Amino acid sequence: MKNIFVFDHPLIQHKMTFLRDKNTGTKEFRELMSEVSMLMAYEVTRDLPLKDVQVETPIGIANTKIVSGKKLCIVPVLRAGLGMVEGMQNLIPSVKIGHIGLYREHETLQAVEYYSKFPEDISEREVIILEPMIASGGSLAAAVNILKNRGVKHMKIMSILAARSGIEKLAKQFPDVEIYCAAIDEKLNPDCYIDPGLGDAGDRLFGTK
């Protein structure tokens, strides 16, 4: 699908191997997710608009460029999306950060919103939603709709790992939203976890079970 982008950069794929490894500890897992997020952010932000400016160097005047137009906002989906924030901030220190809290109702598997907080001008910003895993796609679909209901017109999704059925469902449901991920696995297990996946990203980030 035209709005799905999968990264094949060697450094990202190398780091994905260790994210998947069950023997990778919490500290290393957290660092790897931040590093992968920063590498992905470099490409996700490639189309940011620029404007011409002049600056004075120690030698003379340089004609150069800065980012212009809409300012960015990143919105991690709690709680696992928090693991992707540091990598983005390292690349874009001034970025605004919103939050969406969702949990999956065990019987219906529907996403339920329990918290949201955004910059007041969120509708005027380009938004990048951060969610490490796209399994069924239900939580991200809910996040996109929450932001659309607040007037956001330009958004992207950045994910570490996706199940094919979930990412294709999202891409079809929201053809105006670009979806970026580092890898796609072919199936979900009976409990709706990505198989082989990397386990529960939130538990591995924060050392919980």
C-alpha atoms as a PDB file:
ATOM      1  CA  MET A   1       0.000   0.000   0.000  1.00  0.00           C
ATOM      2  CA  LYS A   2       1.209   3.476  -0.886  1.00  0.00           C
ATOM      3  CA  ASN A   3       1.017   4.835   2.671  1.00  0.00           C
ATOM      4  CA  ILE A   4       3.112   2.044   4.271  1.00  0.00           C
ATOM      5  CA  PHE A   5       6.890   2.532   4.516  1.00  0.00           C
ATOM      6  CA  VAL A   6       9.201  -0.196   5.853  1.00  0.00           C
ATOM      7  CA  PHE A   7      12.808   0.651   6.718  1.00  0.00           C
ATOM      8  CA  ASP A   8      15.604  -1.525   5.344  1.00  0.00           C
ATOM      9  CA  HIS A   9      18.563   0.446   6.720  1.00  0.00           C
ATOM     10  CA  PRO A  10      21.260  -1.973   7.950  1.00  0.00           C
ATOM     11  CA  LEU A  11      21.669  -0.254  11.335  1.00  0.00           C
ATOM     12  CA  ILE A  12      17.931  -0.441  12.024  1.00  0.00           C
ATOM     13  CA  GLN A  13      17.757  -4.099  11.046  1.00  0.00           C
ATOM     14  CA  HIS A  14      20.835  -4.870  13.151  1.00  0.00           C
ATOM     15  CA  LYS A  15      19.300  -3.249  16.231  1.00  0.00           C
ATOM     16  CA  MET A  16      15.952  -4.963  15.590  1.00  0.00           C
ATOM     17  CA  THR A  17      17.668  -8.325  16.065  1.00  0.00           C
ATOM     18  CA  PHE A  18      18.614  -7.428  19.626  1.00  0.00           C
ATOM     19  CA  LEU A  19      15.196  -5.886  20.355  1.00  0.00           C
ATOM     20  CA  ARG A  20      13.641  -9.235  19.433  1.00  0.00           C
ATOM     21  CA  ASP A  21      16.098 -11.306  21.504  1.00  0.00           C
ATOM     22  CA  LYS A  22      14.449 -12.467  24.734  1.00  0.00           C
ATOM     23  CA  ASN A  23      17.841 -12.293  26.479  1.00  0.00           C
ATOM     24  CA  THR A  24      18.155  -8.520  25.965  1.00  0.00           C
ATOM     25  CA  GLY A  25      17.725  -6.856  29.362  1.00  0.00           C
ATOM     26  CA  THR A  26      15.566  -3.859  30.251  1.00  0.00           C
ATOM     27  CA  LYS A  27      18.363  -1.284  30.093  1.00  0.00           C
ATOM     28  CA  GLU A  28      19.601  -2.477  26.700  1.00  0.00           C
ATOM     29  CA  PHE A  29      16.057  -2.824  25.346  1.00  0.00           C
ATOM     30  CA  ARG A  30      15.240   0.760  26.339  1.00  0.00           C
ATOM     31  CA  GLU A  31      18.436   2.069  24.733  1.00  0.00           C
ATOM     32  CA  LEU A  32      17.843   0.086  21.529  1.00  0.00           C
ATOM     33  CA  MET A  33      14.284   1.343  21.165  1.00  0.00           C
ATOM     34  CA  SER A  34      15.471   4.917  21.584  1.00  0.00           C
ATOM     35  CA  GLU A  35      18.226   4.398  18.995  1.00  0.00           C
ATOM     36  CA  VAL A  36      15.891   2.785  16.452  1.00  0.00           C
ATOM     37  CA  SER A  37      13.372   5.589  16.974  1.00  0.00           C
ATOM     38  CA  MET A  38      16.025   8.229  16.313  1.00  0.00           C
ATOM     39  CA  LEU A  39      17.170   6.471  13.136  1.00  0.00           C
ATOM     40  CA  MET A  40      13.581   6.201  11.937  1.00  0.00           C
ATOM     41  CA  ALA A  41      12.831   9.824  12.799  1.00  0.00           C
ATOM     42  CA  TYR A  42      15.540  10.969  10.405  1.00  0.00           C
ATOM     43  CA  GLU A  43      13.529   9.566   7.500  1.00  0.00           C
ATOM     44  CA  VAL A  44      10.027  10.254   8.841  1.00  0.00           C
ATOM     45  CA  THR A  45      10.843  13.981   9.011  1.00  0.00           C
ATOM     46  CA  ARG A  46      12.436  14.103   5.541  1.00  0.00           C
ATOM     47  CA  ASP A  47       9.583  16.152   4.030  1.00  0.00           C
ATOM     48  CA  LEU A  48       9.547  18.949   6.616  1.00  0.00           C
ATOM     49  CA  PRO A  49       9.300  22.296   4.787  1.00  0.00           C
ATOM     50  CA  LEU A  50      12.299  24.626   4.766  1.00  0.00           C
ATOM     51  CA  LYS A  51      12.779  28.348   4.326  1.00  0.00           C
ATOM     52  CA  ASP A  52      15.846  30.372   3.344  1.00  0.00           C
ATOM     53  CA  VAL A  53      17.681  32.380   6.005  1.00  0.00           C
ATOM     54  CA  GLN A  54      21.036  34.080   6.418  1.00  0.00           C
ATOM     55  CA  VAL A  55      23.412  33.591   9.333  1.00  0.00           C
ATOM     56  CA  GLU A  56      26.748  35.146  10.077  1.00  0.00           C
ATOM     57  CA  THR A  57      29.550  32.633  10.431  1.00  0.00           C
ATOM     58  CA  PRO A  58      32.986  33.482  11.887  1.00  0.00           C
ATOM     59  CA  ILE A  59      34.073  34.067   8.282  1.00  0.00           C
ATOM     60  CA  GLY A  60      31.108  35.698   6.537  1.00  0.00           C
ATOM     61  CA  ILE A  61      27.415  35.480   5.617  1.00  0.00           C
ATOM     62  CA  ALA A  62      25.947  32.056   4.792  1.00  0.00           C
ATOM     63  CA  ASN A  63      22.728  31.516   2.852  1.00  0.00           C
ATOM     64  CA  THR A  64      21.157  28.495   4.521  1.00  0.00           C
ATOM     65  CA  LYS A  65      17.843  26.962   5.583  1.00  0.00           C
ATOM     66  CA  ILE A  66      15.724  26.270   8.654  1.00  0.00           C
ATOM     67  CA  VAL A  67      12.534  24.276   9.161  1.00  0.00           C
ATOM     68  CA  SER A  68       9.449  26.377   8.495  1.00  0.00           C
ATOM     69  CA  GLY A  69       5.695  26.036   8.460  1.00  0.00           C
ATOM     70  CA  LYS A  70       3.819  23.773  10.855  1.00  0.00           C
ATOM     71  CA  LYS A  71       5.651  22.824  14.015  1.00  0.00           C
ATOM     72  CA  LEU A  72       5.909  19.187  15.019  1.00  0.00           C
ATOM     73  CA  CYS A  73       4.189  17.415  17.886  1.00  0.00           C
ATOM     74  CA  ILE A  74       4.924  13.830  18.840  1.00  0.00           C
ATOM     75  CA  VAL A  75       2.210  11.839  20.585  1.00  0.00           C
ATOM     76  CA  PRO A  76       3.272   8.593  22.281  1.00  0.00           C
ATOM     77  CA  VAL A  77       0.540   6.076  23.006  1.00  0.00           C
ATOM     78  CA  LEU A  78       0.934   5.160  26.672  1.00  0.00           C
ATOM     79  CA  ARG A  79       2.712   3.412  27.951  1.00  0.00           C
ATOM     80  CA  ALA A  80       5.018   1.696  25.452  1.00  0.00           C
ATOM     81  CA  GLY A  81       5.154   4.735  23.174  1.00  0.00           C
ATOM     82  CA  LEU A  82       7.159   6.536  25.863  1.00  0.00           C
ATOM     83  CA  GLY A  83      10.129   4.369  24.900  1.00  0.00           C
ATOM     84  CA  MET A  84      10.307   6.142  21.531  1.00  0.00           C
ATOM     85  CA  VAL A  85      10.202   9.705  22.862  1.00  0.00           C
ATOM     86  CA  GLU A  86      13.859  10.141  23.863  1.00  0.00           C
ATOM     87  CA  GLY A  87      15.138   9.190  20.422  1.00  0.00           C
ATOM     88  CA  MET A  88      12.842  11.763  18.816  1.00  0.00           C
ATOM     89  CA  GLN A  89      13.813  14.446  21.342  1.00  0.00           C
ATOM     90  CA  ASN A  90      17.508  13.829  20.704  1.00  0.00           C
ATOM     91  CA  LEU A  91      16.924  14.687  17.051  1.00  0.00           C
ATOM     92  CA  ILE A  92      14.326  17.466  17.595  1.00  0.00           C
ATOM     93  CA  PRO A  93      14.930  18.953  21.073  1.00  0.00           C
ATOM     94  CA  SER A  94      12.186  21.588  20.811  1.00  0.00           C
ATOM     95  CA  VAL A  95       9.416  19.207  19.743  1.00  0.00           C
ATOM     96  CA  LYS A  96       6.112  19.447  21.642  1.00  0.00           C
ATOM     97  CA  ILE A  97       4.828  16.240  23.238  1.00  0.00           C
ATOM     98  CA  GLY A  98       1.223  15.149  23.699  1.00  0.00           C
ATOM     99  CA  HIS A  99       0.034  11.912  25.281  1.00  0.00           C
ATOM    100  CA  ILE A 100      -2.758   9.423  24.641  1.00  0.00           C
ATOM    101  CA  GLY A 101      -3.564   6.740  27.198  1.00  0.00           C
ATOM    102  CA  LEU A 102      -5.336   3.650  25.859  1.00  0.00           C
ATOM    103  CA  TYR A 103      -5.892   0.161  27.174  1.00  0.00           C
ATOM    104  CA  ARG A 104      -7.319  -2.891  25.435  1.00  0.00           C
ATOM    105  CA  GLU A 105     -10.520  -4.303  26.935  1.00  0.00           C
ATOM    106  CA  HIS A 106      -9.744  -7.991  27.356  1.00  0.00           C
ATOM    107  CA  GLU A 107     -13.065  -9.443  26.208  1.00  0.00           C
ATOM    108  CA  THR A 108     -13.867  -7.174  23.256  1.00  0.00           C
ATOM    109  CA  LEU A 109     -10.224  -6.225  22.454  1.00  0.00           C
ATOM    110  CA  GLN A 110     -11.502  -2.669  21.864  1.00  0.00           C
ATOM    111  CA  ALA A 111      -9.257   0.284  22.724  1.00  0.00           C
ATOM    112  CA  VAL A 112     -10.512   2.441  25.600  1.00  0.00           C
ATOM    113  CA  GLU A 113      -9.214   5.985  26.150  1.00  0.00           C
ATOM    114  CA  TYR A 114      -8.318   6.819  29.762  1.00  0.00           C
ATOM    115  CA  TYR A 115      -6.081   9.874  29.308  1.00  0.00           C
ATOM    116  CA  SER A 116      -5.183  12.515  26.739  1.00  0.00           C
ATOM    117  CA  LYS A 117      -3.187  15.752  26.891  1.00  0.00           C
ATOM    118  CA  PHE A 118      -2.128  17.863  23.898  1.00  0.00           C
ATOM    119  CA  PRO A 119      -0.690  21.300  23.109  1.00  0.00           C
ATOM    120  CA  GLU A 120      -3.465  23.881  22.775  1.00  0.00           C
ATOM    121  CA  ASP A 121      -2.633  24.397  19.101  1.00  0.00           C
ATOM    122  CA  ILE A 122      -2.524  20.679  18.256  1.00  0.00           C
ATOM    123  CA  SER A 123      -4.857  21.205  15.281  1.00  0.00           C
ATOM    124  CA  GLU A 124      -2.246  23.456  13.647  1.00  0.00           C
ATOM    125  CA  ARG A 125       0.630  21.029  14.054  1.00  0.00           C
ATOM    126  CA  GLU A 126       1.929  18.053  12.133  1.00  0.00           C
ATOM    127  CA  VAL A 127       1.649  15.085  14.475  1.00  0.00           C
ATOM    128  CA  ILE A 128       3.724  11.915  14.638  1.00  0.00           C
ATOM    129  CA  ILE A 129       2.051   9.165  16.685  1.00  0.00           C
ATOM    130  CA  LEU A 130       4.541   6.884  18.458  1.00  0.00           C
ATOM    131  CA  GLU A 131       3.507   3.280  19.112  1.00  0.00           C
ATOM    132  CA  PRO A 132       6.140   0.506  19.120  1.00  0.00           C
ATOM    133  CA  MET A 133       3.743  -2.275  18.097  1.00  0.00           C
ATOM    134  CA  ILE A 134       0.944  -2.527  15.549  1.00  0.00           C
ATOM    135  CA  ALA A 135      -0.854  -5.778  16.338  1.00  0.00           C
ATOM    136  CA  SER A 136      -4.560  -5.659  15.440  1.00  0.00           C
ATOM    137  CA  GLY A 137      -4.295  -1.915  14.816  1.00  0.00           C
ATOM    138  CA  GLY A 138      -7.207  -1.116  17.132  1.00  0.00           C
ATOM    139  CA  SER A 139      -5.307   1.130  19.537  1.00  0.00           C
ATOM    140  CA  LEU A 140      -3.721   3.158  16.767  1.00  0.00           C
ATOM    141  CA  ALA A 141      -7.029   3.526  14.950  1.00  0.00           C
ATOM    142  CA  ALA A 142      -8.469   4.926  18.180  1.00  0.00           C
ATOM    143  CA  ALA A 143      -5.493   7.294  18.552  1.00  0.00           C
ATOM    144  CA  VAL A 144      -5.889   8.583  14.992  1.00  0.00           C
ATOM    145  CA  ASN A 145      -9.597   9.211  15.533  1.00  0.00           C
ATOM    146  CA  ILE A 146      -8.929  11.018  18.828  1.00  0.00           C
ATOM    147  CA  LEU A 147      -6.536  13.373  17.047  1.00  0.00           C
ATOM    148  CA  LYS A 148      -8.841  13.847  14.047  1.00  0.00           C
ATOM    149  CA  ASN A 149     -11.624  14.797  16.459  1.00  0.00           C
ATOM    150  CA  ARG A 150      -9.335  17.522  17.799  1.00  0.00           C
ATOM    151  CA  GLY A 151      -8.857  18.954  14.346  1.00  0.00           C
ATOM    152  CA  VAL A 152      -5.490  17.426  13.402  1.00  0.00           C
ATOM    153  CA  LYS A 153      -5.215  17.230   9.620  1.00  0.00           C
ATOM    154  CA  HIS A 154      -1.629  16.101   9.134  1.00  0.00           C
ATOM    155  CA  MET A 155      -0.331  13.065  10.990  1.00  0.00           C
ATOM    156  CA  LYS A 156       1.979  10.092  10.603  1.00  0.00           C
ATOM    157  CA  ILE A 157       2.379   6.863  12.549  1.00  0.00           C
ATOM    158  CA  MET A 158       5.822   5.631  13.579  1.00  0.00           C
ATOM    159  CA  SER A 159       6.077   2.059  14.841  1.00  0.00           C
ATOM    160  CA  ILE A 160       8.906  -0.370  15.523  1.00  0.00           C
ATOM    161  CA  LEU A 161       7.169  -3.610  14.536  1.00  0.00           C
ATOM    162  CA  ALA A 162       3.854  -4.430  12.862  1.00  0.00           C
ATOM    163  CA  ALA A 163       1.743  -7.457  12.089  1.00  0.00           C
ATOM    164  CA  ARG A 164       0.822  -7.460   8.414  1.00  0.00           C
ATOM    165  CA  SER A 165      -2.919  -7.719   9.044  1.00  0.00           C
ATOM    166  CA  GLY A 166      -2.872  -4.794  11.499  1.00  0.00           C
ATOM    167  CA  ILE A 167      -0.794  -2.403   9.420  1.00  0.00           C
ATOM    168  CA  GLU A 168      -2.753  -3.134   6.235  1.00  0.00           C
ATOM    169  CA  LYS A 169      -6.036  -2.605   8.070  1.00  0.00           C
ATOM    170  CA  LEU A 170      -4.792   0.779   9.354  1.00  0.00           C
ATOM    171  CA  ALA A 171      -3.490   1.813   5.946  1.00  0.00           C
ATOM    172  CA  LYS A 172      -6.842   1.033   4.342  1.00  0.00           C
ATOM    173  CA  GLN A 173      -8.843   2.738   7.091  1.00  0.00           C
ATOM    174  CA  PHE A 174      -6.704   5.907   6.999  1.00  0.00           C
ATOM    175  CA  PRO A 175      -5.313   6.367   3.475  1.00  0.00           C
ATOM    176  CA  ASP A 176      -4.324   9.940   4.364  1.00  0.00           C
ATOM    177  CA  VAL A 177      -1.986   8.794   7.176  1.00  0.00           C
ATOM    178  CA  GLU A 178       1.533   7.596   6.375  1.00  0.00           C
ATOM    179  CA  ILE A 179       2.677   4.605   8.440  1.00  0.00           C
ATOM    180  CA  TYR A 180       6.371   3.922   9.056  1.00  0.00           C
ATOM    181  CA  CYS A 181       7.771   0.782  10.670  1.00  0.00           C
ATOM    182  CA  ALA A 182      11.087  -1.039  11.006  1.00  0.00           C
ATOM    183  CA  ALA A 183       9.773  -4.550  10.319  1.00  0.00           C
ATOM    184  CA  ILE A 184       6.585  -6.464   9.502  1.00  0.00           C
ATOM    185  CA  ASP A 185       5.752  -9.942  10.837  1.00  0.00           C
ATOM    186  CA  GLU A 186       3.229 -12.115   9.084  1.00  0.00           C
ATOM    187  CA  LYS A 187       0.853 -13.170  11.847  1.00  0.00           C
ATOM    188  CA  LEU A 188      -0.724 -12.710  15.260  1.00  0.00           C
ATOM    189  CA  ASN A 189      -0.992 -15.500  17.813  1.00  0.00           C
ATOM    190  CA  PRO A 190      -4.361 -16.447  19.419  1.00  0.00           C
ATOM    191  CA  ASP A 191      -3.783 -13.836  22.149  1.00  0.00           C
ATOM    192  CA  CYS A 192      -3.348 -11.065  19.536  1.00  0.00           C
ATOM    193  CA  TYR A 193       0.419 -10.759  20.080  1.00  0.00           C
ATOM    194  CA  ILE A 194       2.701 -10.332  17.068  1.00  0.00           C
ATOM    195  CA  ASP A 195       4.369 -13.661  16.202  1.00  0.00           C
ATOM    196  CA  PRO A 196       7.371 -13.974  16.446  1.00  0.00           C
ATOM    197  CA  GLY A 197       7.392 -10.297  17.472  1.00  0.00           C
ATOM    198  CA  LEU A 198       9.460  -9.101  20.411  1.00  0.00           C
ATOM    199  CA  GLY A 199       7.116  -9.727  23.331  1.00  0.00           C
ATOM    200  CA  ASP A 200       5.257  -7.032  25.253  1.00  0.00           C
ATOM    201  CA  ALA A 201       7.146  -3.791  24.488  1.00  0.00           C
ATOM    202  CA  GLY A 202       5.862  -2.010  27.592  1.00  0.00           C
ATOM    203  CA  ASP A 203       6.854  -4.825  29.946  1.00  0.00           C
ATOM    204  CA  ARG A 204      10.297  -5.076  28.394  1.00  0.00           C
ATOM    205  CA  LEU A 205      10.813  -1.298  28.553  1.00  0.00           C
ATOM    206  CA  PHE A 206       9.810  -0.915  32.181  1.00  0.00           C
ATOM    207  CA  GLY A 207      10.718  -4.308  33.643  1.00  0.00           C
ATOM    208  CA  THR A 208       7.148  -5.348  34.434  1.00  0.00           C
ATOM    209  CA  LYS A 209       5.069  -8.413  33.652  1.00  0.00           C
END
